[in-house]
Amino acid sequence: MKGRMYPSRRVHLSCAVVLSLALATALAAIQEPTPLTPATPAQDSTSKVDKPTKKKHSHANNFLIRGTVFNDKALSFPGVQLRIRAAGQKKYQRETYTNSRGEFAVRVPQGSDYEMLVHAKGFSDQTRTVDAKNGGNEETVVFRLEPTVGGKK
């Protein structure tokens, strides 16, 4: 009686098959993308003209300023503060810090000159002007900071 299956085993096998099919159907339904339905009722085309559309931000017209900051021993300098402002402005508009390798990267709008101030405790501040007006979309700058004269600042 090798080919015979006991009734209780047949029931268990049947239940396992049915549960497997139900689980597969549920998973397939979850993974199917739901059709997108508009959250608001349909509007006529004239109302769409009056409503301003939201612009997506693009980096196409931005200028990238990137570089590295080194200390007086020519080692990369992490944690240095960089402040950037448009030339002729009093307030700094952007601020960032160098990463663990002394590197930084900042995006600014094209069409202006920018003044960069590099500051680290115990070192002299350095200022550099970057021209973001004419051609190109990127400039690399390197700073080498010197210790302040007369001790720490």
Protein backbone atom coordinates (compact mmCIF):
# COMPACT_ATOMS: atom_id res chain seq x y z
CA MET A 1 0.00 0.00 0.00
CA LYS A 2 2.68 2.43 -1.00
CA GLY A 3 0.56 4.63 -3.31
CA ARG A 4 -2.20 5.27 -0.79
CA MET A 5 -2.39 8.44 1.22
CA TYR A 6 -4.12 8.62 4.54
CA PRO A 7 -7.21 10.88 4.61
CA SER A 8 -5.73 13.24 7.23
CA ARG A 9 -2.60 13.72 5.11
CA ARG A 10 -4.71 14.45 2.07
CA VAL A 11 -6.59 17.12 4.04
CA HIS A 12 -3.33 18.69 5.28
CA LEU A 13 -1.87 18.70 1.76
CA SER A 14 -5.07 20.21 0.33
CA CYS A 15 -5.06 22.97 2.98
CA ALA A 16 -1.40 23.72 2.31
CA VAL A 17 -2.05 24.04 -1.44
CA VAL A 18 -5.08 26.30 -0.90
CA LEU A 19 -3.19 28.53 1.57
CA SER A 20 -0.23 28.77 -0.80
CA LEU A 21 -2.47 29.84 -3.66
CA ALA A 22 -4.24 32.39 -1.46
CA LEU A 23 -0.90 33.83 -0.31
CA ALA A 24 0.41 34.00 -3.88
CA THR A 25 -2.74 35.79 -5.03
CA ALA A 26 -2.53 38.28 -2.15
CA LEU A 27 1.15 39.02 -2.85
CA ALA A 28 0.44 39.49 -6.56
CA ALA A 29 -2.37 41.93 -5.74
CA ILE A 30 -0.11 43.93 -3.43
CA GLN A 31 2.66 44.20 -6.02
CA GLU A 32 0.39 45.36 -8.85
CA PRO A 33 0.47 49.14 -9.25
CA THR A 34 -2.81 50.74 -8.41
CA PRO A 35 -4.32 52.90 -11.14
CA LEU A 36 -3.89 56.59 -10.44
CA THR A 37 -7.15 58.40 -9.91
CA PRO A 38 -7.31 62.18 -9.79
CA ALA A 39 -7.80 63.53 -6.29
CA THR A 40 -9.99 66.35 -7.58
CA PRO A 41 -12.81 66.22 -10.09
CA ALA A 42 -11.96 66.87 -13.72
CA GLN A 43 -11.59 70.53 -14.59
CA ASP A 44 -12.03 72.24 -17.89
CA SER A 45 -8.95 73.39 -19.80
CA THR A 46 -9.53 77.11 -19.10
CA SER A 47 -8.96 76.72 -15.35
CA LYS A 48 -5.60 75.02 -15.98
CA VAL A 49 -4.34 78.07 -17.85
CA ASP A 50 -5.06 80.38 -14.90
CA LYS A 51 -3.30 78.20 -12.32
CA PRO A 52 0.50 78.69 -12.21
CA THR A 53 2.51 75.50 -12.43
CA LYS A 54 5.18 74.75 -9.88
CA LYS A 55 8.67 74.79 -11.38
CA LYS A 56 11.06 71.97 -10.62
CA HIS A 57 14.50 73.02 -9.45
CA SER A 58 17.28 72.33 -11.91
CA HIS A 59 21.03 72.52 -11.41
CA ALA A 60 21.48 73.40 -15.08
CA ASN A 61 22.07 77.11 -14.36
CA ASN A 62 24.10 76.62 -11.19
CA PHE A 63 27.81 77.11 -10.76
CA LEU A 64 29.76 74.54 -8.73
CA ILE A 65 32.54 75.73 -6.45
CA ARG A 66 34.58 72.88 -5.10
CA GLY A 67 37.96 72.46 -3.57
CA THR A 68 40.15 71.30 -0.73
CA VAL A 69 41.52 72.98 2.38
CA PHE A 70 44.98 72.08 3.70
CA ASN A 71 46.75 73.09 6.91
CA ASP A 72 50.27 74.53 7.17
CA LYS A 73 51.74 71.01 7.11
CA ALA A 74 50.03 70.23 3.77
CA LEU A 75 47.57 67.82 5.41
CA SER A 76 43.87 67.88 4.53
CA PHE A 77 41.89 69.94 7.00
CA PRO A 78 38.47 68.54 8.03
CA GLY A 79 35.79 70.66 9.72
CA VAL A 80 36.85 74.03 8.30
CA GLN A 81 34.03 76.56 7.94
CA LEU A 82 33.41 78.08 4.48
CA ARG A 83 31.07 81.04 4.06
CA ILE A 84 29.99 82.36 0.67
CA ARG A 85 28.33 85.61 -0.35
CA ALA A 86 27.76 87.48 -3.59
CA ALA A 87 30.43 90.13 -4.16
CA GLY A 88 29.36 93.45 -2.67
CA GLN A 89 26.93 91.88 -0.19
CA LYS A 90 27.29 92.23 3.58
CA LYS A 91 25.60 88.99 4.66
CA TYR A 92 26.87 85.53 3.84
CA GLN A 93 24.18 83.51 2.05
CA ARG A 94 25.74 80.05 2.22
CA GLU A 95 27.77 78.17 4.78
CA THR A 96 29.35 74.73 4.68
CA TYR A 97 32.15 72.74 6.26
CA THR A 98 34.88 70.56 4.80
CA ASN A 99 34.41 66.81 5.02
CA SER A 100 36.80 64.31 6.63
CA ARG A 101 39.17 64.68 3.66
CA GLY A 102 39.17 68.49 3.74
CA GLU A 103 36.97 68.71 0.62
CA PHE A 104 33.91 70.86 -0.03
CA ALA A 105 31.43 71.53 -2.84
CA VAL A 106 28.83 74.32 -3.04
CA ARG A 107 26.34 75.18 -5.79
CA VAL A 108 25.59 78.86 -6.40
CA PRO A 109 23.56 80.63 -9.12
CA GLN A 110 25.56 81.69 -12.17
CA GLY A 111 25.96 85.31 -13.21
CA SER A 112 27.78 86.83 -10.25
CA ASP A 113 31.13 86.97 -8.50
CA TYR A 114 31.26 85.23 -5.12
CA GLU A 115 33.46 85.88 -2.14
CA MET A 116 34.53 82.87 -0.07
CA LEU A 117 35.74 83.16 3.52
CA VAL A 118 37.57 80.18 5.01
CA HIS A 119 37.79 80.09 8.81
CA ALA A 120 39.41 77.62 11.22
CA LYS A 121 40.23 78.17 14.87
CA GLY A 122 43.91 78.95 15.40
CA PHE A 123 44.47 79.77 11.71
CA SER A 124 44.33 83.00 9.73
CA ASP A 125 41.13 83.55 7.75
CA GLN A 126 41.46 83.52 3.98
CA THR A 127 39.21 85.19 1.42
CA ARG A 128 39.04 84.34 -2.25
CA THR A 129 36.85 85.67 -5.08
CA VAL A 130 35.31 83.20 -7.55
CA ASP A 131 34.03 84.39 -10.94
CA ALA A 132 30.75 82.61 -11.78
CA LYS A 133 29.82 85.05 -14.58
CA ASN A 134 31.64 84.01 -17.70
CA GLY A 135 31.42 80.57 -19.23
CA GLY A 136 31.95 77.28 -17.52
CA ASN A 137 29.90 75.88 -14.73
CA GLU A 138 32.56 74.86 -12.23
CA GLU A 139 35.71 76.11 -10.51
CA THR A 140 38.14 74.30 -8.23
CA VAL A 141 39.91 76.23 -5.48
CA VAL A 142 42.57 75.16 -3.00
CA PHE A 143 43.25 76.85 0.33
CA ARG A 144 46.36 76.43 2.47
CA LEU A 145 45.75 77.87 5.92
CA GLU A 146 48.56 79.34 8.01
CA PRO A 147 48.58 79.48 11.83
CA THR A 148 47.75 82.85 13.35
CA VAL A 149 50.68 84.94 14.51
CA GLY A 150 50.91 85.17 18.29
CA GLY A 151 49.13 81.95 19.20
CA LYS A 152 45.57 80.77 18.99
CA LYS A 153 42.72 83.02 17.97
